[in-house]
N, C-alpha and C. Protein backbone atom coordinates (compact mmCIF):
# COMPACT_ATOMS: atom_id res chain seq x y z
N MET A 1 -30.80 85.77 111.09
CA MET A 1 -30.34 86.50 112.10
C MET A 1 -29.34 87.70 111.52
N LYS A 2 -29.33 88.76 112.06
CA LYS A 2 -28.32 89.82 112.03
C LYS A 2 -27.09 89.48 112.52
N HIS A 3 -26.11 89.90 111.95
CA HIS A 3 -24.78 89.87 112.50
C HIS A 3 -24.22 91.20 112.58
N ILE A 4 -23.45 91.42 113.45
CA ILE A 4 -22.81 92.72 113.72
C ILE A 4 -21.30 92.50 113.65
N THR A 5 -20.51 93.19 112.84
CA THR A 5 -19.03 93.04 112.82
C THR A 5 -18.51 94.00 113.45
N LEU A 6 -17.53 93.76 114.37
CA LEU A 6 -16.83 94.78 115.28
C LEU A 6 -15.49 95.10 114.47
N LEU A 7 -15.50 96.37 114.30
CA LEU A 7 -14.14 96.73 113.63
C LEU A 7 -13.25 97.22 114.84
N ILE A 8 -12.13 96.85 115.07
CA ILE A 8 -11.22 97.25 116.11
C ILE A 8 -10.18 98.53 115.44
N PHE A 9 -10.35 99.58 116.23
CA PHE A 9 -9.38 100.62 116.01
C PHE A 9 -8.50 100.65 117.06
N THR A 10 -7.20 101.24 116.73
CA THR A 10 -6.46 101.58 117.87
C THR A 10 -6.79 102.71 118.83
N VAL A 11 -7.36 102.35 119.95
CA VAL A 11 -7.68 103.28 120.92
C VAL A 11 -7.24 102.92 122.17
N SER A 12 -7.15 104.00 123.06
CA SER A 12 -6.60 103.76 124.38
C SER A 12 -7.56 102.94 125.10
N LYS A 13 -7.06 102.01 125.95
CA LYS A 13 -8.04 101.10 126.70
C LYS A 13 -8.63 101.87 127.80
N SER A 14 -8.12 103.10 128.18
CA SER A 14 -8.91 103.98 129.13
C SER A 14 -9.93 104.76 128.59
N SER A 15 -10.15 104.65 127.08
CA SER A 15 -11.07 105.69 126.26
C SER A 15 -12.54 105.23 126.84
N SER A 16 -13.16 106.15 127.38
CA SER A 16 -14.56 105.85 127.93
C SER A 16 -15.58 105.77 126.51
N LYS A 17 -15.17 106.50 125.42
CA LYS A 17 -15.91 106.32 124.22
C LYS A 17 -15.78 105.01 123.75
N ALA A 18 -14.62 104.45 123.65
CA ALA A 18 -14.57 103.02 123.23
C ALA A 18 -15.17 102.05 124.06
N TYR A 19 -15.12 102.28 125.27
CA TYR A 19 -15.84 101.43 126.26
C TYR A 19 -17.34 101.24 126.00
N ARG A 20 -17.94 102.60 125.91
CA ARG A 20 -19.25 102.58 125.62
C ARG A 20 -19.75 101.97 124.37
N GLY A 21 -18.96 102.17 123.25
CA GLY A 21 -19.18 101.66 122.07
C GLY A 21 -19.13 100.05 122.13
N LEU A 22 -18.25 99.53 122.75
CA LEU A 22 -18.07 98.03 122.83
C LEU A 22 -19.20 97.58 123.80
N ARG A 23 -19.63 98.39 124.87
CA ARG A 23 -20.68 97.80 125.70
C ARG A 23 -21.91 97.80 124.76
N ASN A 24 -22.32 98.86 123.99
CA ASN A 24 -23.37 98.95 123.26
C ASN A 24 -23.51 97.85 122.12
N ILE A 25 -22.36 97.40 121.56
CA ILE A 25 -22.19 96.25 120.69
C ILE A 25 -22.62 94.88 121.45
N ALA A 26 -21.93 94.75 122.66
CA ALA A 26 -22.32 93.52 123.38
C ALA A 26 -23.66 93.40 123.68
N ARG A 27 -24.33 94.61 124.01
CA ARG A 27 -25.74 94.60 124.47
C ARG A 27 -26.70 94.29 123.24
N ASP A 28 -26.28 94.84 122.05
CA ASP A 28 -27.12 94.56 120.89
C ASP A 28 -26.88 93.07 120.40
N GLU A 29 -25.71 92.45 120.53
CA GLU A 29 -25.54 91.17 120.41
C GLU A 29 -26.32 90.22 121.17
N LEU A 30 -26.37 90.60 122.46
CA LEU A 30 -27.29 89.73 123.31
C LEU A 30 -28.90 89.80 122.79
N SER A 31 -29.22 91.10 122.53
CA SER A 31 -30.52 91.27 122.05
C SER A 31 -30.79 90.32 120.82
N LEU A 32 -29.82 90.45 119.90
CA LEU A 32 -29.80 89.42 118.69
C LEU A 32 -29.66 88.19 118.75
N LYS A 33 -29.30 87.68 119.93
CA LYS A 33 -29.17 86.32 120.32
C LYS A 33 -27.77 85.76 119.77
N ASP A 34 -26.89 86.65 119.50
CA ASP A 34 -25.52 86.33 119.04
C ASP A 34 -24.70 86.24 120.46
N TYR A 35 -24.96 85.21 121.09
CA TYR A 35 -24.38 85.02 122.56
C TYR A 35 -22.97 84.75 122.22
N ALA A 36 -22.44 84.06 121.52
CA ALA A 36 -20.89 83.77 121.33
C ALA A 36 -20.23 85.24 121.30
N ASN A 37 -20.66 85.99 120.30
CA ASN A 37 -19.87 87.34 120.12
C ASN A 37 -20.07 88.13 121.40
N SER A 38 -21.37 88.18 121.78
CA SER A 38 -21.60 88.92 123.07
C SER A 38 -20.62 88.65 124.10
N LEU A 39 -20.60 87.39 124.22
CA LEU A 39 -19.64 86.91 125.47
C LEU A 39 -18.05 87.44 125.18
N LYS A 40 -17.73 87.24 124.02
CA LYS A 40 -16.44 87.76 123.70
C LYS A 40 -16.16 89.26 124.07
N HIS A 41 -17.23 89.97 123.72
CA HIS A 41 -17.07 91.33 123.88
C HIS A 41 -17.12 91.67 125.38
N TRP A 42 -18.08 91.05 126.22
CA TRP A 42 -18.12 91.40 127.65
C TRP A 42 -16.68 90.97 128.14
N ASN A 43 -16.10 89.78 127.86
CA ASN A 43 -14.87 89.30 128.30
C ASN A 43 -13.86 90.48 128.13
N TYR A 44 -13.73 90.97 126.81
CA TYR A 44 -12.92 92.04 126.59
C TYR A 44 -13.12 93.12 127.34
N ILE A 45 -14.38 93.61 127.55
CA ILE A 45 -14.61 94.81 128.14
C ILE A 45 -14.25 94.71 129.72
N ILE A 46 -14.51 93.48 130.34
CA ILE A 46 -14.25 93.33 131.88
C ILE A 46 -12.71 93.06 131.88
N GLY A 47 -12.17 92.58 130.81
CA GLY A 47 -10.60 92.41 131.09
C GLY A 47 -9.79 93.67 130.81
N ASN A 48 -10.42 94.64 129.96
CA ASN A 48 -9.56 95.80 129.65
C ASN A 48 -9.95 97.16 130.10
N TYR A 49 -11.29 97.18 130.61
CA TYR A 49 -11.71 98.69 131.04
C TYR A 49 -12.10 98.63 132.54
N LYS A 50 -11.04 98.18 133.32
CA LYS A 50 -11.21 98.04 134.95
C LYS A 50 -11.97 99.31 135.46
N ASP A 51 -11.47 100.46 134.85
CA ASP A 51 -11.84 101.71 135.52
C ASP A 51 -13.39 101.99 135.22
N ASN A 52 -13.95 101.37 134.23
CA ASN A 52 -15.44 101.59 133.99
C ASN A 52 -16.30 100.48 134.41
N ILE A 53 -15.61 99.45 135.02
CA ILE A 53 -16.58 98.25 135.23
C ILE A 53 -17.44 98.40 136.52
N SER A 54 -18.80 97.97 136.48
CA SER A 54 -19.63 98.16 137.74
C SER A 54 -20.26 96.61 137.88
N HIS A 55 -21.04 96.45 138.67
CA HIS A 55 -21.85 95.17 138.85
C HIS A 55 -22.54 94.80 137.51
N LEU A 56 -22.94 95.88 136.72
CA LEU A 56 -23.77 95.74 135.44
C LEU A 56 -23.23 94.93 134.56
N GLU A 57 -21.66 95.10 134.18
CA GLU A 57 -21.04 94.27 133.29
C GLU A 57 -20.95 92.87 133.57
N TYR A 58 -21.01 92.57 135.00
CA TYR A 58 -20.91 91.24 135.34
C TYR A 58 -22.33 90.55 135.25
N SER A 59 -23.17 91.40 135.63
CA SER A 59 -24.72 90.84 135.44
C SER A 59 -24.88 90.60 134.09
N SER A 60 -24.64 91.43 133.13
CA SER A 60 -24.69 91.34 131.63
C SER A 60 -24.08 90.05 131.08
N ARG A 61 -22.85 89.83 131.52
CA ARG A 61 -21.99 88.82 131.03
C ARG A 61 -22.70 87.32 131.75
N ALA A 62 -23.23 87.42 132.91
CA ALA A 62 -23.75 86.40 133.49
C ALA A 62 -25.12 85.95 132.64
N SER A 63 -25.97 87.10 132.08
CA SER A 63 -27.14 86.83 131.41
C SER A 63 -26.69 86.05 129.82
N VAL A 64 -25.58 86.39 129.48
CA VAL A 64 -25.04 85.81 128.22
C VAL A 64 -24.70 84.42 128.49
N ARG A 65 -23.87 84.23 129.50
CA ARG A 65 -23.52 82.78 130.05
C ARG A 65 -24.62 81.99 130.31
N SER A 66 -25.62 82.39 130.84
CA SER A 66 -26.82 81.71 131.12
C SER A 66 -27.37 81.26 129.93
N LYS A 67 -27.56 82.02 128.93
CA LYS A 67 -28.09 81.84 127.61
C LYS A 67 -27.31 80.51 126.89
N LEU A 68 -26.05 80.67 127.07
CA LEU A 68 -25.05 79.58 126.55
C LEU A 68 -25.12 78.32 127.40
N LYS A 69 -25.89 78.34 128.48
CA LYS A 69 -25.90 77.15 129.56
C LYS A 69 -24.71 77.00 130.08
N ASP A 70 -23.95 78.10 130.29
CA ASP A 70 -22.78 78.08 131.24
C ASP A 70 -23.07 78.51 132.48
N PHE A 71 -23.94 77.82 133.31
CA PHE A 71 -24.35 78.18 134.44
C PHE A 71 -23.64 78.38 135.71
N GLU A 72 -22.46 77.79 135.87
CA GLU A 72 -21.48 77.74 136.91
C GLU A 72 -20.86 79.12 136.75
N ASN A 73 -20.32 79.53 135.52
CA ASN A 73 -19.65 80.78 135.42
C ASN A 73 -20.71 81.87 135.50
N ALA A 74 -21.86 81.75 135.04
CA ALA A 74 -22.80 82.68 135.10
C ALA A 74 -23.04 83.09 136.72
N ILE A 75 -23.17 82.08 137.49
CA ILE A 75 -23.22 82.31 138.94
C ILE A 75 -21.98 82.96 139.48
N ALA A 76 -20.87 82.41 139.05
CA ALA A 76 -19.74 83.23 139.36
C ALA A 76 -19.59 84.73 139.16
N ASP A 77 -20.05 85.03 137.88
CA ASP A 77 -20.10 86.45 137.60
C ASP A 77 -21.25 87.17 138.58
N LEU A 78 -22.34 86.41 138.76
CA LEU A 78 -23.29 87.17 139.80
C LEU A 78 -22.73 87.39 141.13
N ASP A 79 -21.84 86.37 141.55
CA ASP A 79 -21.10 86.31 142.79
C ASP A 79 -20.36 87.75 142.84
N THR A 80 -19.56 87.96 141.74
CA THR A 80 -18.65 89.22 141.67
C THR A 80 -19.67 90.51 141.51
N ALA A 81 -20.77 90.43 140.88
CA ALA A 81 -21.68 91.54 140.76
C ALA A 81 -22.12 91.86 142.00
N ILE A 82 -22.47 90.96 142.89
CA ILE A 82 -22.99 91.10 144.38
C ILE A 82 -22.00 91.58 145.15
N GLN A 83 -20.65 91.24 145.11
CA GLN A 83 -19.55 91.76 145.75
C GLN A 83 -19.35 93.29 145.48
N ILE A 84 -19.42 93.65 144.23
CA ILE A 84 -19.28 95.06 143.91
C ILE A 84 -20.50 95.90 144.41
N ASN A 85 -21.77 95.35 144.24
CA ASN A 85 -22.88 96.14 144.62
C ASN A 85 -23.89 95.17 145.44
N PRO A 86 -23.72 95.09 146.71
CA PRO A 86 -24.66 94.22 147.37
C PRO A 86 -26.10 94.62 147.59
N SER A 87 -26.40 95.87 146.93
CA SER A 87 -27.81 96.33 147.03
C SER A 87 -28.54 96.10 145.85
N PHE A 88 -27.96 95.62 144.68
CA PHE A 88 -28.72 95.27 143.65
C PHE A 88 -29.35 94.09 143.50
N ALA A 89 -30.72 94.14 143.88
CA ALA A 89 -31.55 92.95 143.97
C ALA A 89 -31.65 92.03 142.88
N ASN A 90 -31.59 92.59 141.75
CA ASN A 90 -31.65 91.75 140.49
C ASN A 90 -30.58 90.51 140.43
N SER A 91 -29.26 90.87 140.97
CA SER A 91 -28.40 89.80 140.93
C SER A 91 -28.79 88.69 141.83
N TYR A 92 -29.36 89.00 142.91
CA TYR A 92 -29.78 88.02 143.83
C TYR A 92 -30.83 87.03 143.19
N ILE A 93 -31.91 87.76 142.59
CA ILE A 93 -32.90 87.02 141.93
C ILE A 93 -32.44 86.12 140.84
N THR A 94 -31.56 86.55 140.07
CA THR A 94 -30.98 85.90 138.83
C THR A 94 -30.12 84.55 139.32
N ARG A 95 -29.41 85.01 140.28
CA ARG A 95 -28.50 83.88 140.87
C ARG A 95 -29.36 82.92 141.56
N GLY A 96 -30.40 83.32 142.27
CA GLY A 96 -31.40 82.24 142.91
C GLY A 96 -31.95 81.23 141.82
N LEU A 97 -32.38 81.97 140.82
CA LEU A 97 -32.90 81.15 139.72
C LEU A 97 -32.22 80.14 138.99
N LEU A 98 -30.85 80.72 138.78
CA LEU A 98 -29.82 79.91 138.18
C LEU A 98 -29.58 78.52 139.09
N LYS A 99 -29.50 78.85 140.37
CA LYS A 99 -29.13 77.74 141.39
C LYS A 99 -30.38 76.78 141.44
N VAL A 100 -31.50 77.43 141.34
CA VAL A 100 -32.56 76.53 141.27
C VAL A 100 -32.57 75.55 140.18
N TYR A 101 -32.24 76.35 138.83
CA TYR A 101 -32.29 75.46 137.64
C TYR A 101 -31.16 74.38 137.77
N ILE A 102 -30.13 74.55 138.43
CA ILE A 102 -29.12 73.47 138.45
C ILE A 102 -29.16 72.69 139.67
N LYS A 103 -30.52 72.76 140.25
CA LYS A 103 -30.79 71.76 141.38
C LYS A 103 -30.14 72.26 142.69
N GLU A 104 -29.68 73.47 142.94
CA GLU A 104 -29.22 73.81 144.12
C GLU A 104 -30.33 74.83 144.84
N ASP A 105 -29.85 75.17 146.00
CA ASP A 105 -30.94 75.98 146.78
C ASP A 105 -30.79 77.47 146.50
N GLY A 106 -31.73 78.09 145.94
CA GLY A 106 -31.62 79.64 145.78
C GLY A 106 -32.37 80.47 146.73
N CYS A 107 -32.94 79.77 148.00
CA CYS A 107 -33.88 80.55 148.84
C CYS A 107 -33.11 81.74 149.69
N GLU A 108 -31.90 81.58 149.85
CA GLU A 108 -31.04 82.62 150.45
C GLU A 108 -31.11 83.77 149.62
N ASP A 109 -30.83 83.61 148.39
CA ASP A 109 -30.76 84.80 147.35
C ASP A 109 -32.25 85.47 147.31
N PHE A 110 -33.27 84.56 147.22
CA PHE A 110 -34.46 85.21 147.12
C PHE A 110 -34.90 85.86 148.42
N SER A 111 -34.41 85.52 149.56
CA SER A 111 -34.71 86.10 150.90
C SER A 111 -33.96 87.47 150.90
N LYS A 112 -32.65 87.56 150.36
CA LYS A 112 -32.03 88.83 150.27
C LYS A 112 -32.68 89.80 149.33
N ALA A 113 -33.19 89.22 148.22
CA ALA A 113 -33.90 89.98 147.22
C ALA A 113 -34.96 90.59 147.93
N LEU A 114 -35.59 89.75 148.62
CA LEU A 114 -36.80 90.38 149.36
C LEU A 114 -36.66 91.44 150.32
N GLU A 115 -35.59 91.30 151.04
CA GLU A 115 -35.09 92.23 152.00
C GLU A 115 -34.80 93.64 151.27
N LEU A 116 -34.28 93.50 150.03
CA LEU A 116 -34.01 94.73 149.38
C LEU A 116 -35.09 95.02 148.44
N ASN A 117 -36.38 94.65 148.68
CA ASN A 117 -37.58 95.12 148.14
C ASN A 117 -37.73 94.72 146.63
N HIS A 118 -37.15 93.66 146.12
CA HIS A 118 -37.27 93.29 144.79
C HIS A 118 -38.75 92.82 144.43
N ARG A 119 -39.46 93.38 143.46
CA ARG A 119 -40.86 93.10 143.24
C ARG A 119 -41.35 91.61 143.08
N ASN A 120 -40.31 90.71 142.59
CA ASN A 120 -40.57 89.44 142.25
C ASN A 120 -40.26 88.40 143.43
N ALA A 121 -39.46 88.99 144.40
CA ALA A 121 -38.71 88.14 145.32
C ALA A 121 -39.72 87.23 146.13
N SER A 122 -40.95 87.78 146.69
CA SER A 122 -41.93 87.14 147.35
C SER A 122 -42.36 85.88 146.52
N ARG A 123 -42.72 86.24 145.27
CA ARG A 123 -43.29 85.11 144.42
C ARG A 123 -42.13 84.04 144.30
N MET A 124 -40.90 84.28 144.02
CA MET A 124 -39.81 83.36 143.90
C MET A 124 -39.73 82.53 145.27
N LYS A 125 -40.00 83.24 146.30
CA LYS A 125 -39.70 82.54 147.57
C LYS A 125 -40.84 81.57 147.95
N GLU A 126 -42.12 81.91 147.49
CA GLU A 126 -43.23 81.05 147.58
C GLU A 126 -43.19 79.84 146.68
N ARG A 127 -42.74 80.05 145.56
CA ARG A 127 -42.63 79.21 144.56
C ARG A 127 -41.50 78.04 144.71
N TYR A 128 -40.28 78.55 145.21
CA TYR A 128 -39.25 77.58 145.24
C TYR A 128 -38.71 77.32 146.70
N CYS A 129 -39.16 77.98 147.77
CA CYS A 129 -38.83 77.73 149.03
C CYS A 129 -39.88 77.22 149.91
N ASP A 130 -39.41 76.52 151.00
CA ASP A 130 -40.36 75.89 151.96
C ASP A 130 -41.44 75.03 151.38
């Protein structure tokens, strides 16, 4: 397994260049299945770059948390992602699947994703609902 070492330099927390660099490292770590370090970087990004944060950062951290089997916090991140951008259908699909995985009802999320024209929503509803 490849490991990425993060070198911290003194930069302004408002620096968009530093934000983009950390975001890319967190994404690379996720791709390399280095979930623990990816989570650390997403936590740092979300905690320190408030001006740059969108629903995508919370969705990304939810992906890492689900890989670490931290489903409750992954769902909480998706809740936040949906509050930030209620039109992003992927968050509903992912949250619905996580709910199904932990034996909760994800049908409302699949219905919302279908309403938003997500390509897999109909299949998820057929498979897990009614």
